[in-house]
Amino acid sequence: MCLMLKCILKLLLNMLCNNLAWNIYQISLVGDPGFFENTY
């Protein structure tokens, strides 16, 4: 059970990191401060 929980947490963390990296990539691609403000 503990191992399964660790796997789920690792997967969630990985998804979060990928999502954050994708957001940063899109922001750097657009390069618009207004777009950045609207996103957050």
PDB file of N, CA and C in Angstrom:
ATOM      1  N   MET A   1       0.836  -1.203   0.000  1.00  0.00           N
ATOM      2  CA  MET A   1       0.000   0.000   0.000  1.00  0.00           C
ATOM      3  C   MET A   1       0.873   1.256   0.000  1.00  0.00           C
ATOM      4  N   CYS A   2       1.891   1.236   0.822  1.00  0.00           N
ATOM      5  CA  CYS A   2       2.788   2.389   0.933  1.00  0.00           C
ATOM      6  C   CYS A   2       3.529   2.620  -0.386  1.00  0.00           C
ATOM      7  N   LEU A   3       3.941   1.514  -1.015  1.00  0.00           N
ATOM      8  CA  LEU A   3       4.660   1.596  -2.285  1.00  0.00           C
ATOM      9  C   LEU A   3       3.768   2.170  -3.381  1.00  0.00           C
ATOM     10  N   MET A   4       2.491   1.756  -3.372  1.00  0.00           N
ATOM     11  CA  MET A   4       1.525   2.249  -4.354  1.00  0.00           C
ATOM     12  C   MET A   4       1.320   3.748  -4.186  1.00  0.00           C
ATOM     13  N   LEU A   5       1.257   4.190  -2.936  1.00  0.00           N
ATOM     14  CA  LEU A   5       1.075   5.610  -2.634  1.00  0.00           C
ATOM     15  C   LEU A   5       2.277   6.411  -3.130  1.00  0.00           C
ATOM     16  N   LYS A   6       3.462   5.867  -2.945  1.00  0.00           N
ATOM     17  CA  LYS A   6       4.682   6.531  -3.415  1.00  0.00           C
ATOM     18  C   LYS A   6       4.676   6.661  -4.931  1.00  0.00           C
ATOM     19  N   CYS A   7       4.212   5.611  -5.609  1.00  0.00           N
ATOM     20  CA  CYS A   7       4.136   5.631  -7.077  1.00  0.00           C
ATOM     21  C   CYS A   7       3.168   6.700  -7.553  1.00  0.00           C
ATOM     22  N   ILE A   8       2.013   6.801  -6.891  1.00  0.00           N
ATOM     23  CA  ILE A   8       1.003   7.803  -7.248  1.00  0.00           C
ATOM     24  C   ILE A   8       1.551   9.206  -7.022  1.00  0.00           C
ATOM     25  N   LEU A   9       2.225   9.421  -5.902  1.00  0.00           N
ATOM     26  CA  LEU A   9       2.797  10.730  -5.597  1.00  0.00           C
ATOM     27  C   LEU A   9       3.867  11.111  -6.617  1.00  0.00           C
ATOM     28  N   LYS A  10       4.682  10.129  -6.993  1.00  0.00           N
ATOM     29  CA  LYS A  10       5.734  10.364  -7.976  1.00  0.00           C
ATOM     30  C   LYS A  10       5.135  10.736  -9.329  1.00  0.00           C
ATOM     31  N   LEU A  11       4.056  10.040  -9.700  1.00  0.00           N
ATOM     32  CA  LEU A  11       3.373  10.305 -10.961  1.00  0.00           C
ATOM     33  C   LEU A  11       2.759  11.698 -10.963  1.00  0.00           C
ATOM     34  N   LEU A  12       2.125  12.075  -9.856  1.00  0.00           N
ATOM     35  CA  LEU A  12       1.512  13.397  -9.736  1.00  0.00           C
ATOM     36  C   LEU A  12       2.562  14.497  -9.813  1.00  0.00           C
ATOM     37  N   LEU A  13       3.686  14.277  -9.131  1.00  0.00           N
ATOM     38  CA  LEU A  13       4.775  15.250  -9.130  1.00  0.00           C
ATOM     39  C   LEU A  13       5.353  15.408 -10.535  1.00  0.00           C
ATOM     40  N   ASN A  14       5.486  14.271 -11.232  1.00  0.00           N
ATOM     41  CA  ASN A  14       6.001  14.279 -12.601  1.00  0.00           C
ATOM     42  C   ASN A  14       5.064  15.045 -13.526  1.00  0.00           C
ATOM     43  N   MET A  15       3.755  14.827 -13.371  1.00  0.00           N
ATOM     44  CA  MET A  15       2.750  15.527 -14.174  1.00  0.00           C
ATOM     45  C   MET A  15       2.799  17.024 -13.902  1.00  0.00           C
ATOM     46  N   LEU A  16       2.953  17.384 -12.634  1.00  0.00           N
ATOM     47  CA  LEU A  16       3.016  18.786 -12.230  1.00  0.00           C
ATOM     48  C   LEU A  16       4.245  19.466 -12.834  1.00  0.00           C
ATOM     49  N   CYS A  17       5.383  18.781 -12.787  1.00  0.00           N
ATOM     50  CA  CYS A  17       6.625  19.319 -13.356  1.00  0.00           C
ATOM     51  C   CYS A  17       6.508  19.491 -14.861  1.00  0.00           C
ATOM     52  N   ASN A  18       5.899  18.500 -15.526  1.00  0.00           N
ATOM     53  CA  ASN A  18       5.711  18.573 -16.979  1.00  0.00           C
ATOM     54  C   ASN A  18       4.795  19.724 -17.346  1.00  0.00           C
ATOM     55  N   ASN A  19       3.726  19.911 -16.556  1.00  0.00           N
ATOM     56  CA  ASN A  19       2.768  20.983 -16.796  1.00  0.00           C
ATOM     57  C   ASN A  19       3.433  22.343 -16.619  1.00  0.00           C
ATOM     58  N   LEU A  20       4.250  22.462 -15.573  1.00  0.00           N
ATOM     59  CA  LEU A  20       4.962  23.707 -15.288  1.00  0.00           C
ATOM     60  C   LEU A  20       5.951  24.023 -16.409  1.00  0.00           C
ATOM     61  N   ALA A  21       6.678  23.001 -16.849  1.00  0.00           N
ATOM     62  CA  ALA A  21       7.644  23.168 -17.937  1.00  0.00           C
ATOM     63  C   ALA A  21       6.938  23.585 -19.223  1.00  0.00           C
ATOM     64  N   TRP A  22       5.765  22.994 -19.482  1.00  0.00           N
ATOM     65  CA  TRP A  22       4.990  23.327 -20.681  1.00  0.00           C
ATOM     66  C   TRP A  22       4.505  24.765 -20.621  1.00  0.00           C
ATOM     67  N   ASN A  23       4.049  25.202 -19.436  1.00  0.00           N
ATOM     68  CA  ASN A  23       3.593  26.582 -19.250  1.00  0.00           C
ATOM     69  C   ASN A  23       4.729  27.572 -19.486  1.00  0.00           C
ATOM     70  N   ILE A  24       5.900  27.269 -18.944  1.00  0.00           N
ATOM     71  CA  ILE A  24       7.074  28.133 -19.111  1.00  0.00           C
ATOM     72  C   ILE A  24       7.481  28.184 -20.582  1.00  0.00           C
ATOM     73  N   TYR A  25       7.404  27.028 -21.249  1.00  0.00           N
ATOM     74  CA  TYR A  25       7.733  26.950 -22.677  1.00  0.00           C
ATOM     75  C   TYR A  25       6.784  27.818 -23.504  1.00  0.00           C
ATOM     76  N   GLN A  26       5.490  27.725 -23.222  1.00  0.00           N
ATOM     77  CA  GLN A  26       4.495  28.516 -23.950  1.00  0.00           C
ATOM     78  C   GLN A  26       4.683  30.007 -23.690  1.00  0.00           C
ATOM     79  N   ILE A  27       4.967  30.370 -22.450  1.00  0.00           N
ATOM     80  CA  ILE A  27       5.175  31.777 -22.091  1.00  0.00           C
ATOM     81  C   ILE A  27       6.419  32.326 -22.801  1.00  0.00           C
ATOM     82  N   SER A  28       7.495  31.543 -22.810  1.00  0.00           N
ATOM     83  CA  SER A  28       8.726  31.983 -23.475  1.00  0.00           C
ATOM     84  C   SER A  28       8.524  32.059 -24.989  1.00  0.00           C
ATOM     85  N   LEU A  29       7.647  31.204 -25.513  1.00  0.00           N
ATOM     86  CA  LEU A  29       7.351  31.185 -26.939  1.00  0.00           C
ATOM     87  C   LEU A  29       6.585  32.443 -27.336  1.00  0.00           C
ATOM     88  N   VAL A  30       5.612  32.812 -26.520  1.00  0.00           N
ATOM     89  CA  VAL A  30       4.808  34.008 -26.777  1.00  0.00           C
ATOM     90  C   VAL A  30       5.623  35.254 -26.427  1.00  0.00           C
ATOM     91  N   GLY A  31       6.269  35.217 -25.250  1.00  0.00           N
ATOM     92  CA  GLY A  31       7.108  36.328 -24.825  1.00  0.00           C
ATOM     93  C   GLY A  31       6.328  37.603 -24.580  1.00  0.00           C
ATOM     94  N   ASP A  32       5.092  37.470 -24.113  1.00  0.00           N
ATOM     95  CA  ASP A  32       4.240  38.634 -23.885  1.00  0.00           C
ATOM     96  C   ASP A  32       3.902  38.748 -22.402  1.00  0.00           C
ATOM     97  N   PRO A  33       4.318  39.829 -21.722  1.00  0.00           N
ATOM     98  CA  PRO A  33       4.018  40.017 -20.299  1.00  0.00           C
ATOM     99  C   PRO A  33       2.518  40.026 -20.010  1.00  0.00           C
ATOM    100  N   GLY A  34       1.729  40.553 -20.934  1.00  0.00           N
ATOM    101  CA  GLY A  34       0.276  40.589 -20.773  1.00  0.00           C
ATOM    102  C   GLY A  34      -0.297  39.190 -20.749  1.00  0.00           C
ATOM    103  N   PHE A  35       0.231  38.341 -21.602  1.00  0.00           N
ATOM    104  CA  PHE A  35      -0.183  36.946 -21.655  1.00  0.00           C
ATOM    105  C   PHE A  35       0.168  36.250 -20.340  1.00  0.00           C
ATOM    106  N   PHE A  36       1.342  36.576 -19.821  1.00  0.00           N
ATOM    107  CA  PHE A  36       1.812  36.005 -18.563  1.00  0.00           C
ATOM    108  C   PHE A  36       0.884  36.390 -17.412  1.00  0.00           C
ATOM    109  N   GLU A  37       0.464  37.644 -17.389  1.00  0.00           N
ATOM    110  CA  GLU A  37      -0.426  38.141 -16.342  1.00  0.00           C
ATOM    111  C   GLU A  37      -1.800  37.496 -16.438  1.00  0.00           C
ATOM    112  N   ASN A  38      -2.281  37.274 -17.645  1.00  0.00           N
ATOM    113  CA  ASN A  38      -3.586  36.656 -17.835  1.00  0.00           C
ATOM    114  C   ASN A  38      -3.591  35.185 -17.441  1.00  0.00           C
ATOM    115  N   THR A  39      -2.439  34.526 -17.587  1.00  0.00           N
ATOM    116  CA  THR A  39      -2.338  33.109 -17.254  1.00  0.00           C
ATOM    117  C   THR A  39      -2.408  32.892 -15.746  1.00  0.00           C
ATOM    118  N   TYR A  40      -1.846  33.812 -14.978  1.00  0.00           N
ATOM    119  CA  TYR A  40      -1.825  33.609 -13.528  1.00  0.00           C
ATOM    120  C   TYR A  40      -2.696  34.594 -12.775  1.00  0.00           C
TER     121      TYR A  40
END
